[in-house]
Amino acid sequence: MTASDSPNPVGCVRVMLVDDQVLLRTGFRMVLAAQPDMEVVAEAGDGVEALEVLRTTHVDVVLMDVRMPKLDGVETTRRVCADPEPPKVLILTTFDLDEYAFSGLKAGASGFMLKDVPPGELLSAIRAVHSGDAVVAPSTTRRLLDRFAPMLPSAVREPRHAELARLTEREREVMILVAQGLSNGEIAARLVLSEATVKTHVGRILTKLGLRDRVQVVVLAYETGLVRAGGHL
């Protein structure tokens, strides 16, 4: 059901809550309603309902549960992110090393949060995602991939491996270090570059490979075999 689709203040983040637990949605709504820069514009109790609502409601950020009836959060995220201009998706999970969280990142989510996250962290995450940042540190993503990537099919590696040919040798170096969980500052120190130059390289990697954020860089690095669990090529 939509909560509101009326004009909202300039800069206000339009949030959708997708979870089959009404009490949890109520708690999140109360936290977000107290923020002058956020508005809960829609809610849904399962993935099917969420997709229907998104057809008619403009949303900036979706808080997406993974375990839901009818259509789970991973498949819903995949379908949402397939749109030309999709909202950002934050996966809600119970455990930080959860196969559903990993699958959600692969499906296109910009990050994941624990359901019992402190309100301040949740609000910061929503603002970060809305501004274009990923809210899961690459190092956390790498821990997820180290744990789950060996268990998943590798058939996608070959078709996507050709994408790496678009990168320069330096961009490939930077991509490996991003996938290892290093920050821009750490990459700059490793490659003896300025942090601004590293940021430029990361931006070009995202553009050339059609990726949203650093989390997606890490996922692609594993998918193509550029980086493997426990190390890199």
Foldseek 3Di string as FASTA:
>chain_A
DWPAQDDADPQAAEEEEEALDPVLVVVLQVLQVVDNRYHDGYYYNALVVVVVVVVPHDHAEYEAEADGPPHGRLVSLLVQVVDPDHHAYEYEDADLLDVSQLSNVVSPHLYYDYSPDPSVLVVVCSVQVSVQARSDQLCSLLVNCLPPVVVDDLVQQVVLLVLCVQADPVLLVLLQVLLNRDDLVRVCVVVVHDSVVSVVSLVVSCVSSVHRYSSVSNVNCPSNQQAHNPGGD
